[in-house]
Amino acid sequence: MVDAYTDWCGWCKVMDQETFNDTLVGDFINGQFISTKINMEENFGLDLAMKYRVSQYPQYLFFNGKGELL
């Protein structure tokens, strides 16, 4: 699971503070996925945003074990 975010995204900050900090949500995500946050406006994030057409934030990308976008 990729949390595609930007520094200026207000709703990304809300998700971090309210949703991902919730113990039930965090336990579920950590138990089901390998998750990471990637800033879509820096380094590898720029390439990822272009490849998967990420243009709205927050956005979450889910990949299978083969690295294919689901």
PDB file of N, CA and C in Angstrom:
ATOM      1  N   MET A   1       0.853  -1.174   0.000  1.00  0.00           N
ATOM      2  CA  MET A   1       0.000   0.000   0.000  1.00  0.00           C
ATOM      3  C   MET A   1       0.891   1.226   0.000  1.00  0.00           C
ATOM      4  N   VAL A   2       0.675   2.108  -0.939  1.00  0.00           N
ATOM      5  CA  VAL A   2       1.422   3.356  -1.016  1.00  0.00           C
ATOM      6  C   VAL A   2       0.484   4.506  -0.682  1.00  0.00           C
ATOM      7  N   ASP A   3       0.851   5.254   0.346  1.00  0.00           N
ATOM      8  CA  ASP A   3       0.147   6.486   0.690  1.00  0.00           C
ATOM      9  C   ASP A   3       0.795   7.580  -0.142  1.00  0.00           C
ATOM     10  N   ALA A   4       0.140   7.965  -1.233  1.00  0.00           N
ATOM     11  CA  ALA A   4       0.648   8.998  -2.133  1.00  0.00           C
ATOM     12  C   ALA A   4       0.193  10.354  -1.590  1.00  0.00           C
ATOM     13  N   TYR A   5       1.156  11.170  -1.162  1.00  0.00           N
ATOM     14  CA  TYR A   5       0.801  12.433  -0.524  1.00  0.00           C
ATOM     15  C   TYR A   5       1.667  13.574  -1.051  1.00  0.00           C
ATOM     16  N   THR A   6       1.305  14.778  -0.655  1.00  0.00           N
ATOM     17  CA  THR A   6       2.136  15.965  -0.884  1.00  0.00           C
ATOM     18  C   THR A   6       2.193  16.737   0.428  1.00  0.00           C
ATOM     19  N   ASP A   7       3.187  17.599   0.559  1.00  0.00           N
ATOM     20  CA  ASP A   7       3.317  18.392   1.786  1.00  0.00           C
ATOM     21  C   ASP A   7       2.189  19.403   1.957  1.00  0.00           C
ATOM     22  N   TRP A   8       1.627  19.889   0.850  1.00  0.00           N
ATOM     23  CA  TRP A   8       0.595  20.929   0.920  1.00  0.00           C
ATOM     24  C   TRP A   8      -0.818  20.379   1.068  1.00  0.00           C
ATOM     25  N   CYS A   9      -0.998  19.069   1.001  1.00  0.00           N
ATOM     26  CA  CYS A   9      -2.325  18.442   1.017  1.00  0.00           C
ATOM     27  C   CYS A   9      -2.914  18.419   2.435  1.00  0.00           C
ATOM     28  N   GLY A  10      -3.941  19.210   2.635  1.00  0.00           N
ATOM     29  CA  GLY A  10      -4.600  19.265   3.942  1.00  0.00           C
ATOM     30  C   GLY A  10      -5.239  17.955   4.346  1.00  0.00           C
ATOM     31  N   TRP A  11      -5.906  17.292   3.418  1.00  0.00           N
ATOM     32  CA  TRP A  11      -6.570  16.029   3.741  1.00  0.00           C
ATOM     33  C   TRP A  11      -5.554  14.916   4.013  1.00  0.00           C
ATOM     34  N   CYS A  12      -4.372  15.010   3.429  1.00  0.00           N
ATOM     35  CA  CYS A  12      -3.304  14.044   3.738  1.00  0.00           C
ATOM     36  C   CYS A  12      -2.927  14.162   5.212  1.00  0.00           C
ATOM     37  N   LYS A  13      -2.846  15.388   5.700  1.00  0.00           N
ATOM     38  CA  LYS A  13      -2.507  15.623   7.102  1.00  0.00           C
ATOM     39  C   LYS A  13      -3.609  15.134   8.027  1.00  0.00           C
ATOM     40  N   VAL A  14      -4.859  15.321   7.622  1.00  0.00           N
ATOM     41  CA  VAL A  14      -5.988  14.823   8.410  1.00  0.00           C
ATOM     42  C   VAL A  14      -5.928  13.298   8.493  1.00  0.00           C
ATOM     43  N   MET A  15      -5.660  12.643   7.364  1.00  0.00           N
ATOM     44  CA  MET A  15      -5.556  11.181   7.368  1.00  0.00           C
ATOM     45  C   MET A  15      -4.448  10.716   8.316  1.00  0.00           C
ATOM     46  N   ASP A  16      -3.301  11.393   8.281  1.00  0.00           N
ATOM     47  CA  ASP A  16      -2.190  11.034   9.164  1.00  0.00           C
ATOM     48  C   ASP A  16      -2.571  11.196  10.632  1.00  0.00           C
ATOM     49  N   GLN A  17      -3.169  12.319  10.962  1.00  0.00           N
ATOM     50  CA  GLN A  17      -3.462  12.643  12.356  1.00  0.00           C
ATOM     51  C   GLN A  17      -4.644  11.867  12.913  1.00  0.00           C
ATOM     52  N   GLU A  18      -5.699  11.708  12.122  1.00  0.00           N
ATOM     53  CA  GLU A  18      -6.932  11.134  12.657  1.00  0.00           C
ATOM     54  C   GLU A  18      -7.143   9.668  12.294  1.00  0.00           C
ATOM     55  N   THR A  19      -6.861   9.300  11.071  1.00  0.00           N
ATOM     56  CA  THR A  19      -7.166   7.943  10.627  1.00  0.00           C
ATOM     57  C   THR A  19      -6.027   6.977  10.913  1.00  0.00           C
ATOM     58  N   PHE A  20      -4.838   7.290  10.413  1.00  0.00           N
ATOM     59  CA  PHE A  20      -3.716   6.364  10.568  1.00  0.00           C
ATOM     60  C   PHE A  20      -3.224   6.281  12.007  1.00  0.00           C
ATOM     61  N   ASN A  21      -3.518   7.267  12.832  1.00  0.00           N
ATOM     62  CA  ASN A  21      -3.162   7.202  14.255  1.00  0.00           C
ATOM     63  C   ASN A  21      -4.142   6.377  15.070  1.00  0.00           C
ATOM     64  N   ASP A  22      -5.282   6.042  14.492  1.00  0.00           N
ATOM     65  CA  ASP A  22      -6.261   5.191  15.171  1.00  0.00           C
ATOM     66  C   ASP A  22      -5.686   3.785  15.279  1.00  0.00           C
ATOM     67  N   THR A  23      -5.653   3.242  16.475  1.00  0.00           N
ATOM     68  CA  THR A  23      -5.048   1.933  16.711  1.00  0.00           C
ATOM     69  C   THR A  23      -5.686   0.830  15.872  1.00  0.00           C
ATOM     70  N   LEU A  24      -6.995   0.835  15.750  1.00  0.00           N
ATOM     71  CA  LEU A  24      -7.666  -0.204  14.960  1.00  0.00           C
ATOM     72  C   LEU A  24      -7.279  -0.122  13.485  1.00  0.00           C
ATOM     73  N   VAL A  25      -7.235   1.075  12.958  1.00  0.00           N
ATOM     74  CA  VAL A  25      -6.857   1.272  11.555  1.00  0.00           C
ATOM     75  C   VAL A  25      -5.398   0.874  11.356  1.00  0.00           C
ATOM     76  N   GLY A  26      -4.519   1.364  12.218  1.00  0.00           N
ATOM     77  CA  GLY A  26      -3.104   1.043  12.102  1.00  0.00           C
ATOM     78  C   GLY A  26      -2.829  -0.443  12.198  1.00  0.00           C
ATOM     79  N   ASP A  27      -3.476  -1.112  13.165  1.00  0.00           N
ATOM     80  CA  ASP A  27      -3.288  -2.561  13.316  1.00  0.00           C
ATOM     81  C   ASP A  27      -3.768  -3.316  12.083  1.00  0.00           C
ATOM     82  N   PHE A  28      -4.901  -2.890  11.534  1.00  0.00           N
ATOM     83  CA  PHE A  28      -5.419  -3.556  10.330  1.00  0.00           C
ATOM     84  C   PHE A  28      -4.470  -3.377   9.153  1.00  0.00           C
ATOM     85  N   ILE A  29      -4.069  -2.137   8.901  1.00  0.00           N
ATOM     86  CA  ILE A  29      -3.191  -1.856   7.764  1.00  0.00           C
ATOM     87  C   ILE A  29      -1.869  -2.610   7.914  1.00  0.00           C
ATOM     88  N   ASN A  30      -1.277  -2.546   9.099  1.00  0.00           N
ATOM     89  CA  ASN A  30       0.001  -3.220   9.316  1.00  0.00           C
ATOM     90  C   ASN A  30      -0.119  -4.734   9.243  1.00  0.00           C
ATOM     91  N   GLY A  31      -1.285  -5.265   9.569  1.00  0.00           N
ATOM     92  CA  GLY A  31      -1.496  -6.709   9.503  1.00  0.00           C
ATOM     93  C   GLY A  31      -1.794  -7.222   8.107  1.00  0.00           C
ATOM     94  N   GLN A  32      -2.251  -6.347   7.224  1.00  0.00           N
ATOM     95  CA  GLN A  32      -2.682  -6.767   5.892  1.00  0.00           C
ATOM     96  C   GLN A  32      -1.754  -6.335   4.763  1.00  0.00           C
ATOM     97  N   PHE A  33      -0.988  -5.289   4.985  1.00  0.00           N
ATOM     98  CA  PHE A  33      -0.214  -4.693   3.904  1.00  0.00           C
ATOM     99  C   PHE A  33       1.207  -4.358   4.351  1.00  0.00           C
ATOM    100  N   ILE A  34       2.088  -4.263   3.392  1.00  0.00           N
ATOM    101  CA  ILE A  34       3.364  -3.584   3.585  1.00  0.00           C
ATOM    102  C   ILE A  34       3.086  -2.169   3.097  1.00  0.00           C
ATOM    103  N   SER A  35       3.187  -1.210   3.985  1.00  0.00           N
ATOM    104  CA  SER A  35       2.771   0.145   3.616  1.00  0.00           C
ATOM    105  C   SER A  35       3.931   1.130   3.691  1.00  0.00           C
ATOM    106  N   THR A  36       3.813   2.163   2.863  1.00  0.00           N
ATOM    107  CA  THR A  36       4.808   3.231   2.843  1.00  0.00           C
ATOM    108  C   THR A  36       4.149   4.529   2.420  1.00  0.00           C
ATOM    109  N   LYS A  37       4.779   5.642   2.799  1.00  0.00           N
ATOM    110  CA  LYS A  37       4.337   6.971   2.381  1.00  0.00           C
ATOM    111  C   LYS A  37       5.360   7.481   1.386  1.00  0.00           C
ATOM    112  N   ILE A  38       4.887   8.036   0.279  1.00  0.00           N
ATOM    113  CA  ILE A  38       5.794   8.615  -0.706  1.00  0.00           C
ATOM    114  C   ILE A  38       5.260   9.976  -1.120  1.00  0.00           C
ATOM    115  N   ASN A  39       6.120  10.979  -0.986  1.00  0.00           N
ATOM    116  CA  ASN A  39       5.775  12.329  -1.426  1.00  0.00           C
ATOM    117  C   ASN A  39       5.819  12.338  -2.953  1.00  0.00           C
ATOM    118  N   MET A  40       4.704  12.650  -3.572  1.00  0.00           N
ATOM    119  CA  MET A  40       4.587  12.598  -5.027  1.00  0.00           C
ATOM    120  C   MET A  40       5.242  13.775  -5.737  1.00  0.00           C
ATOM    121  N   GLU A  41       5.826  14.689  -4.980  1.00  0.00           N
ATOM    122  CA  GLU A  41       6.483  15.840  -5.601  1.00  0.00           C
ATOM    123  C   GLU A  41       7.992  15.830  -5.393  1.00  0.00           C
ATOM    124  N   GLU A  42       8.532  14.706  -4.946  1.00  0.00           N
ATOM    125  CA  GLU A  42       9.974  14.615  -4.711  1.00  0.00           C
ATOM    126  C   GLU A  42      10.519  13.285  -5.223  1.00  0.00           C
ATOM    127  N   ASN A  43      11.711  13.320  -5.784  1.00  0.00           N
ATOM    128  CA  ASN A  43      12.489  12.135  -6.143  1.00  0.00           C
ATOM    129  C   ASN A  43      11.661  11.062  -6.845  1.00  0.00           C
ATOM    130  N   PHE A  44      11.675   9.841  -6.283  1.00  0.00           N
ATOM    131  CA  PHE A  44      10.964   8.705  -6.866  1.00  0.00           C
ATOM    132  C   PHE A  44       9.461   8.961  -6.983  1.00  0.00           C
ATOM    133  N   GLY A  45       8.922   9.767  -6.082  1.00  0.00           N
ATOM    134  CA  GLY A  45       7.500  10.077  -6.105  1.00  0.00           C
ATOM    135  C   GLY A  45       7.056  10.734  -7.399  1.00  0.00           C
ATOM    136  N   LEU A  46       7.899  11.568  -7.981  1.00  0.00           N
ATOM    137  CA  LEU A  46       7.573  12.204  -9.267  1.00  0.00           C
ATOM    138  C   LEU A  46       7.363  11.160 -10.355  1.00  0.00           C
ATOM    139  N   ASP A  47       8.256  10.178 -10.422  1.00  0.00           N
ATOM    140  CA  ASP A  47       8.128   9.104 -11.414  1.00  0.00           C
ATOM    141  C   ASP A  47       6.891   8.258 -11.154  1.00  0.00           C
ATOM    142  N   LEU A  48       6.667   7.943  -9.889  1.00  0.00           N
ATOM    143  CA  LEU A  48       5.509   7.126  -9.522  1.00  0.00           C
ATOM    144  C   LEU A  48       4.208   7.845  -9.865  1.00  0.00           C
ATOM    145  N   ALA A  49       4.130   9.128  -9.567  1.00  0.00           N
ATOM    146  CA  ALA A  49       2.933   9.920  -9.864  1.00  0.00           C
ATOM    147  C   ALA A  49       2.649   9.944 -11.354  1.00  0.00           C
ATOM    148  N   MET A  50       3.683  10.086 -12.160  1.00  0.00           N
ATOM    149  CA  MET A  50       3.489  10.102 -13.612  1.00  0.00           C
ATOM    150  C   MET A  50       3.077   8.724 -14.125  1.00  0.00           C
ATOM    151  N   LYS A  51       3.740   7.689 -13.640  1.00  0.00           N
ATOM    152  CA  LYS A  51       3.461   6.335 -14.128  1.00  0.00           C
ATOM    153  C   LYS A  51       2.024   5.912 -13.826  1.00  0.00           C
ATOM    154  N   TYR A  52       1.545   6.214 -12.612  1.00  0.00           N
ATOM    155  CA  TYR A  52       0.208   5.770 -12.202  1.00  0.00           C
ATOM    156  C   TYR A  52      -0.825   6.888 -12.240  1.00  0.00           C
ATOM    157  N   ARG A  53      -0.467   8.003 -12.858  1.00  0.00           N
ATOM    158  CA  ARG A  53      -1.383   9.132 -13.060  1.00  0.00           C
ATOM    159  C   ARG A  53      -2.022   9.633 -11.764  1.00  0.00           C
ATOM    160  N   VAL A  54      -1.194   9.779 -10.764  1.00  0.00           N
ATOM    161  CA  VAL A  54      -1.656  10.296  -9.474  1.00  0.00           C
ATOM    162  C   VAL A  54      -1.739  11.813  -9.597  1.00  0.00           C
ATOM    163  N   SER A  55      -2.934  12.353  -9.426  1.00  0.00           N
ATOM    164  CA  SER A  55      -3.106  13.799  -9.576  1.00  0.00           C
ATOM    165  C   SER A  55      -3.995  14.411  -8.496  1.00  0.00           C
ATOM    166  N   GLN A  56      -4.551  13.565  -7.637  1.00  0.00           N
ATOM    167  CA  GLN A  56      -5.391  14.056  -6.553  1.00  0.00           C
ATOM    168  C   GLN A  56      -4.898  13.420  -5.263  1.00  0.00           C
ATOM    169  N   TYR A  57      -4.999  14.181  -4.186  1.00  0.00           N
ATOM    170  CA  TYR A  57      -4.445  13.714  -2.924  1.00  0.00           C
ATOM    171  C   TYR A  57      -5.442  13.876  -1.797  1.00  0.00           C
ATOM    172  N   PRO A  58      -5.391  13.000  -0.814  1.00  0.00           N
ATOM    173  CA  PRO A  58      -4.544  11.824  -0.755  1.00  0.00           C
ATOM    174  C   PRO A  58      -5.030  10.752  -1.726  1.00  0.00           C
ATOM    175  N   GLN A  59      -4.113   9.904  -2.111  1.00  0.00           N
ATOM    176  CA  GLN A  59      -4.449   8.773  -2.972  1.00  0.00           C
ATOM    177  C   GLN A  59      -3.673   7.564  -2.470  1.00  0.00           C
ATOM    178  N   TYR A  60      -4.275   6.410  -2.577  1.00  0.00           N
ATOM    179  CA  TYR A  60      -3.660   5.188  -2.058  1.00  0.00           C
ATOM    180  C   TYR A  60      -3.556   4.186  -3.194  1.00  0.00           C
ATOM    181  N   LEU A  61      -2.360   3.664  -3.370  1.00  0.00           N
ATOM    182  CA  LEU A  61      -2.100   2.691  -4.435  1.00  0.00           C
ATOM    183  C   LEU A  61      -1.887   1.332  -3.782  1.00  0.00           C
ATOM    184  N   PHE A  62      -2.557   0.329  -4.309  1.00  0.00           N
ATOM    185  CA  PHE A  62      -2.416  -1.025  -3.787  1.00  0.00           C
ATOM    186  C   PHE A  62      -1.833  -1.908  -4.871  1.00  0.00           C
ATOM    187  N   PHE A  63      -0.788  -2.640  -4.518  1.00  0.00           N
ATOM    188  CA  PHE A  63      -0.093  -3.522  -5.451  1.00  0.00           C
ATOM    189  C   PHE A  63      -0.184  -4.956  -4.961  1.00  0.00           C
ATOM    190  N   ASN A  64      -0.202  -5.888  -5.902  1.00  0.00           N
ATOM    191  CA  ASN A  64      -0.169  -7.299  -5.521  1.00  0.00           C
ATOM    192  C   ASN A  64       1.281  -7.730  -5.313  1.00  0.00           C
ATOM    193  N   GLY A  65       1.497  -8.999  -5.010  1.00  0.00           N
ATOM    194  CA  GLY A  65       2.822  -9.515  -4.741  1.00  0.00           C
ATOM    195  C   GLY A  65       3.768  -9.462  -5.933  1.00  0.00           C
ATOM    196  N   LYS A  66       3.227  -9.272  -7.105  1.00  0.00           N
ATOM    197  CA  LYS A  66       4.038  -9.165  -8.331  1.00  0.00           C
ATOM    198  C   LYS A  66       4.372  -7.717  -8.665  1.00  0.00           C
ATOM    199  N   GLY A  67       3.912  -6.791  -7.843  1.00  0.00           N
ATOM    200  CA  GLY A  67       4.160  -5.379  -8.093  1.00  0.00           C
ATOM    201  C   GLY A  67       3.197  -4.747  -9.083  1.00  0.00           C
ATOM    202  N   GLU A  68       2.085  -5.418  -9.338  1.00  0.00           N
ATOM    203  CA  GLU A  68       1.080  -4.909 -10.265  1.00  0.00           C
ATOM    204  C   GLU A  68       0.034  -4.096  -9.509  1.00  0.00           C
ATOM    205  N   LEU A  69      -0.307  -2.940 -10.051  1.00  0.00           N
ATOM    206  CA  LEU A  69      -1.329  -2.103  -9.437  1.00  0.00           C
ATOM    207  C   LEU A  69      -2.670  -2.816  -9.483  1.00  0.00           C
ATOM    208  N   LEU A  70      -3.341  -2.822  -8.343  1.00  0.00           N
ATOM    209  CA  LEU A  70      -4.665  -3.446  -8.293  1.00  0.00           C
ATOM    210  C   LEU A  70      -5.751  -2.408  -8.500  1.00  0.00           C
TER     211      LEU A  70
END
